[in-house]
Amino acid sequence: KQHKGTRATQQDTAGYKAYQDGANVAHIFIVADGVGSVDRGANSSAFVVQSLLLWFEKKKDKLFITEAKEIVKELKEEINGVDDLLKKRSSEDGLSYGTALTLVLVVNSKCIVLQVGDGRAYMYSQASGLTQLEKDQTKYQLMLDSGIPVPKEKEKEYKATITQCIGNKMQPKPKETIRVLPAEYSLLICTDGFYQKINKEDINNIFRSKLSDEEILLKTIDHILEEGESDNITALLHRKEFF
């Protein structure tokens, strides 16, 4: 589900595809957040999502016989190719293009996460509860990881400052995670506009709710807007039945 918040345009793009071959099942979930400080954020996020969905279509038959590390390598090559194309386009027309990206690929019991920027992927299971699958690529998180104290008055600014971006200046270095999924699990993939105004318990409630996936996302987005979120909001929910 998506909402443009109070922004004039929607710069987020979301994508999802599934493929089944007998007992084998693959899902790809993508959210891309066009960077607000550069021009053409909406074009950038749409281009990245479309390119990665096309990659999935081309590779889906081989996913079940390919090692997870090799899939990660191929996805990184695709991201780097998209990054090069956006930079080439920027050079040609004098405009700037950039986007954050969070991608989750599920291949049977394997879960691969690639992240550039500050989108998030959460997993919920009854056994382990709520897990954020990757750290944010922000100035705030970088300082925390480096043991540098973050001034209270700078927290909001640093949390909004991403350190990685597709299509803008340096080549992106996606964070990667490979996990073995439990028998039952649910996933939430979202942009920063979705999670900034809610807390851990709110996210837990999304997974536990007896409302339909669409209803609980719409209800949560209404709450986020009531809390004053102005940014674009995007979330994908893949939830198995626990009740």
Protein backbone atom coordinates (compact mmCIF):
# COMPACT_ATOMS: atom_id res chain seq x y z
CA LYS A 1 0.00 0.00 0.00
CA GLN A 2 1.08 3.56 -0.68
CA HIS A 3 0.24 7.15 0.25
CA LYS A 4 2.03 10.27 -0.89
CA GLY A 5 1.72 11.94 2.53
CA THR A 6 1.67 15.70 2.14
CA ARG A 7 4.21 15.66 -0.68
CA ALA A 8 3.17 16.94 -4.10
CA THR A 9 4.33 13.75 -5.82
CA GLN A 10 4.82 10.06 -5.01
CA GLN A 11 8.52 9.26 -5.37
CA ASP A 12 8.27 5.74 -3.91
CA THR A 13 7.85 2.70 -6.12
CA ALA A 14 6.94 -0.83 -4.99
CA GLY A 15 7.17 -4.12 -6.86
CA TYR A 16 6.23 -7.73 -6.22
CA LYS A 17 6.31 -10.97 -8.23
CA ALA A 18 5.93 -14.64 -7.38
CA TYR A 19 6.86 -17.80 -9.22
CA GLN A 20 6.02 -21.42 -8.50
CA ASP A 21 7.46 -24.55 -10.09
CA GLY A 22 5.97 -27.63 -8.47
CA ALA A 23 6.86 -27.52 -4.78
CA ASN A 24 9.35 -24.67 -5.34
CA VAL A 25 8.20 -21.12 -4.67
CA ALA A 26 9.97 -17.77 -5.07
CA HIS A 27 8.83 -14.27 -4.14
CA ILE A 28 10.52 -10.93 -4.76
CA PHE A 29 9.54 -7.79 -2.82
CA ILE A 30 11.00 -4.39 -3.69
CA VAL A 31 10.52 -0.88 -2.33
CA ALA A 32 12.50 2.06 -3.72
CA ASP A 33 12.40 5.59 -2.34
CA GLY A 34 13.38 8.31 -4.79
CA VAL A 35 15.82 10.60 -3.03
CA GLY A 36 14.11 13.87 -2.14
CA SER A 37 17.20 16.04 -2.39
CA VAL A 38 17.72 15.30 -6.08
CA ASP A 39 15.58 15.72 -9.22
CA ARG A 40 13.67 12.87 -10.78
CA GLY A 41 13.36 10.69 -7.69
CA ALA A 42 10.16 9.10 -8.96
CA ASN A 43 11.76 8.15 -12.27
CA SER A 44 14.77 6.70 -10.47
CA SER A 45 12.77 4.51 -8.10
CA ALA A 46 10.50 3.26 -10.91
CA PHE A 47 13.46 2.42 -13.13
CA VAL A 48 15.24 0.45 -10.39
CA VAL A 49 12.12 -1.53 -9.48
CA GLN A 50 11.26 -2.32 -13.11
CA SER A 51 14.83 -3.44 -13.80
CA LEU A 52 14.94 -5.79 -10.81
CA LEU A 53 11.52 -7.26 -11.59
CA LEU A 54 12.76 -7.94 -15.11
CA TRP A 55 15.86 -9.62 -13.64
CA PHE A 56 13.53 -11.86 -11.59
CA GLU A 57 11.54 -12.81 -14.68
CA LYS A 58 14.71 -13.74 -16.54
CA LYS A 59 16.28 -15.68 -13.68
CA LYS A 60 13.29 -17.28 -11.95
CA ASP A 61 13.72 -20.73 -13.52
CA LYS A 62 17.28 -20.97 -12.20
CA LEU A 63 16.73 -19.57 -8.70
CA PHE A 64 15.95 -22.97 -7.18
CA ILE A 65 19.26 -24.49 -8.33
CA THR A 66 21.50 -21.47 -7.63
CA GLU A 67 23.41 -20.91 -4.39
CA ALA A 68 22.29 -17.91 -2.35
CA LYS A 69 25.73 -16.28 -2.54
CA GLU A 70 25.66 -16.49 -6.33
CA ILE A 71 22.17 -14.93 -6.39
CA VAL A 72 23.47 -12.08 -4.24
CA LYS A 73 26.37 -11.58 -6.64
CA GLU A 74 24.02 -11.43 -9.62
CA LEU A 75 21.67 -9.00 -7.88
CA LYS A 76 24.58 -6.72 -6.98
CA GLU A 77 25.72 -6.76 -10.60
CA GLU A 78 22.20 -5.79 -11.68
CA ILE A 79 22.08 -2.95 -9.12
CA ASN A 80 25.49 -1.70 -10.28
CA GLY A 81 24.27 -1.79 -13.90
CA VAL A 82 21.19 0.24 -13.01
CA ASP A 83 23.39 2.65 -11.06
CA ASP A 84 25.62 3.14 -14.13
CA LEU A 85 22.60 3.78 -16.37
CA LEU A 86 21.17 6.39 -13.99
CA LYS A 87 24.53 8.16 -13.81
CA LYS A 88 24.82 8.08 -17.61
CA ARG A 89 21.35 9.56 -17.93
CA SER A 90 22.24 12.26 -15.40
CA SER A 91 25.35 13.15 -17.37
CA GLU A 92 23.39 13.34 -20.63
CA ASP A 93 20.49 15.54 -19.51
CA GLY A 94 22.09 17.50 -16.68
CA LEU A 95 19.57 16.30 -14.09
CA SER A 96 20.15 14.23 -10.96
CA TYR A 97 18.72 10.76 -10.36
CA GLY A 98 18.82 8.79 -7.12
CA THR A 99 16.94 6.25 -5.06
CA ALA A 100 17.17 4.09 -1.97
CA LEU A 101 16.31 0.40 -2.30
CA THR A 102 15.20 -2.48 -0.11
CA LEU A 103 14.85 -5.86 -1.83
CA VAL A 104 13.78 -9.16 -0.27
CA LEU A 105 14.01 -12.36 -2.32
CA VAL A 106 12.51 -15.54 -0.86
CA VAL A 107 13.47 -18.80 -2.56
CA ASN A 108 11.84 -21.68 -0.68
CA SER A 109 13.48 -21.49 2.77
CA LYS A 110 16.17 -18.98 1.76
CA CYS A 111 15.71 -15.26 2.38
CA ILE A 112 18.03 -12.75 0.71
CA VAL A 113 17.95 -9.07 1.66
CA LEU A 114 19.77 -6.29 -0.20
CA GLN A 115 19.54 -2.74 1.07
CA VAL A 116 20.78 0.64 -0.13
CA GLY A 117 19.76 3.56 2.07
CA ASP A 118 17.11 3.67 4.77
CA GLY A 119 14.23 1.43 3.74
CA ARG A 120 13.58 -1.51 6.05
CA ALA A 121 12.66 -5.18 5.97
CA TYR A 122 11.17 -6.82 9.07
CA MET A 123 10.53 -10.50 9.68
CA TYR A 124 8.15 -11.89 12.29
CA SER A 125 7.90 -15.44 13.55
CA GLN A 126 6.31 -16.92 16.63
CA ALA A 127 9.63 -18.46 17.63
CA SER A 128 11.84 -15.35 17.45
CA GLY A 129 9.37 -12.45 17.36
CA LEU A 130 10.23 -9.29 15.40
CA THR A 131 13.57 -8.90 13.60
CA GLN A 132 14.84 -6.00 11.51
CA LEU A 133 16.72 -7.80 8.73
CA GLU A 134 19.27 -5.08 7.96
CA LYS A 135 20.65 -1.92 9.51
CA ASP A 136 19.86 1.51 8.05
CA GLN A 137 22.53 3.06 5.85
CA THR A 138 22.32 6.49 7.46
CA LYS A 139 24.72 8.93 9.10
CA TYR A 140 22.98 8.20 12.42
CA GLN A 141 23.56 4.43 12.17
CA LEU A 142 27.13 4.94 10.95
CA MET A 143 27.93 7.03 14.02
CA LEU A 144 26.33 4.46 16.33
CA ASP A 145 28.32 1.64 14.75
CA SER A 146 31.52 3.70 15.07
CA GLY A 147 30.86 4.43 18.74
CA ILE A 148 30.52 8.17 18.11
CA PRO A 149 27.94 9.90 20.35
CA VAL A 150 25.06 11.44 18.41
CA PRO A 151 23.95 14.87 19.72
CA LYS A 152 20.27 14.76 20.66
CA GLU A 153 19.51 17.82 18.57
CA LYS A 154 21.07 16.15 15.50
CA GLU A 155 19.30 12.76 15.71
CA LYS A 156 16.46 13.60 13.33
CA GLU A 157 18.79 15.18 10.76
CA TYR A 158 21.29 12.31 10.85
CA LYS A 159 18.57 9.64 10.65
CA ALA A 160 17.33 11.31 7.46
CA THR A 161 20.82 11.49 5.92
CA ILE A 162 21.48 8.33 3.90
CA THR A 163 25.07 7.25 3.27
CA GLN A 164 24.30 5.07 0.23
CA CYS A 165 22.21 5.81 -2.87
CA ILE A 166 21.71 4.30 -6.32
CA GLY A 167 22.47 6.75 -9.13
CA ASN A 168 24.18 9.46 -7.14
CA LYS A 169 27.97 10.01 -7.02
CA MET A 170 29.77 6.93 -5.66
CA GLN A 171 28.87 3.36 -6.60
CA PRO A 172 26.44 1.97 -4.00
CA LYS A 173 27.50 -0.78 -1.62
CA PRO A 174 24.34 -2.72 -0.74
CA LYS A 175 24.15 -4.34 2.67
CA GLU A 176 23.31 -8.02 2.34
CA THR A 177 21.73 -10.64 4.55
CA ILE A 178 21.10 -14.32 3.83
CA ARG A 179 18.85 -16.22 6.23
CA VAL A 180 17.18 -19.58 6.51
CA LEU A 181 13.50 -18.95 7.12
CA PRO A 182 11.50 -20.70 9.83
CA ALA A 183 8.55 -22.86 8.84
CA GLU A 184 6.19 -19.96 9.53
CA TYR A 185 7.19 -16.34 8.95
CA SER A 186 5.84 -12.99 7.80
CA LEU A 187 7.59 -10.07 6.12
CA LEU A 188 7.12 -6.30 6.06
CA ILE A 189 9.13 -4.26 3.55
CA CYS A 190 8.77 -0.49 3.75
CA THR A 191 10.23 2.95 3.08
CA ASP A 192 11.25 5.33 5.86
CA GLY A 193 7.95 7.21 5.59
CA PHE A 194 6.18 4.13 6.92
CA TYR A 195 8.27 3.40 10.01
CA GLN A 196 9.31 6.83 11.31
CA LYS A 197 6.07 7.59 13.17
CA ILE A 198 5.39 4.11 14.60
CA ASN A 199 7.20 2.02 17.19
CA LYS A 200 8.18 -1.63 17.60
CA GLU A 201 4.88 -2.57 19.20
CA ASP A 202 2.93 -1.00 16.32
CA ILE A 203 4.90 -3.16 13.90
CA ASN A 204 4.32 -6.25 16.03
CA ASN A 205 0.59 -5.49 15.91
CA ILE A 206 0.66 -5.44 12.11
CA PHE A 207 1.84 -9.05 12.09
CA ARG A 208 -0.52 -10.15 14.88
CA SER A 209 -3.67 -8.44 13.61
CA LYS A 210 -6.64 -10.54 12.49
CA LEU A 211 -7.52 -7.92 9.88
CA SER A 212 -6.65 -8.69 6.26
CA ASP A 213 -3.22 -7.61 5.00
CA GLU A 214 -4.76 -4.70 3.09
CA GLU A 215 -6.92 -3.58 6.01
CA ILE A 216 -4.10 -3.58 8.56
CA LEU A 217 -1.78 -1.64 6.24
CA LEU A 218 -4.48 0.96 5.50
CA LYS A 219 -5.24 1.29 9.22
CA THR A 220 -1.54 1.71 10.01
CA ILE A 221 -1.05 4.30 7.27
CA ASP A 222 -4.03 6.28 8.64
CA HIS A 223 -2.33 6.23 12.07
CA ILE A 224 0.99 7.34 10.55
CA LEU A 225 -0.71 10.27 8.82
CA GLU A 226 -2.50 11.23 12.05
CA GLU A 227 0.91 11.29 13.75
CA GLY A 228 2.00 13.95 11.26
CA GLU A 229 4.05 12.06 8.69
CA SER A 230 4.62 14.21 5.60
CA ASP A 231 6.85 11.87 3.59
CA ASN A 232 5.73 9.37 0.96
CA ILE A 233 4.62 6.09 2.56
CA THR A 234 5.05 2.62 1.05
CA ALA A 235 4.75 -0.87 2.57
CA LEU A 236 4.49 -4.46 1.34
CA LEU A 237 3.16 -7.12 3.71
CA HIS A 238 3.59 -10.87 3.19
CA ARG A 239 1.93 -12.49 6.17
CA LYS A 240 1.16 -16.12 6.90
CA GLU A 241 -1.77 -17.10 9.10
CA PHE A 242 -0.86 -17.70 12.73
CA PHE A 243 -4.37 -18.01 14.17
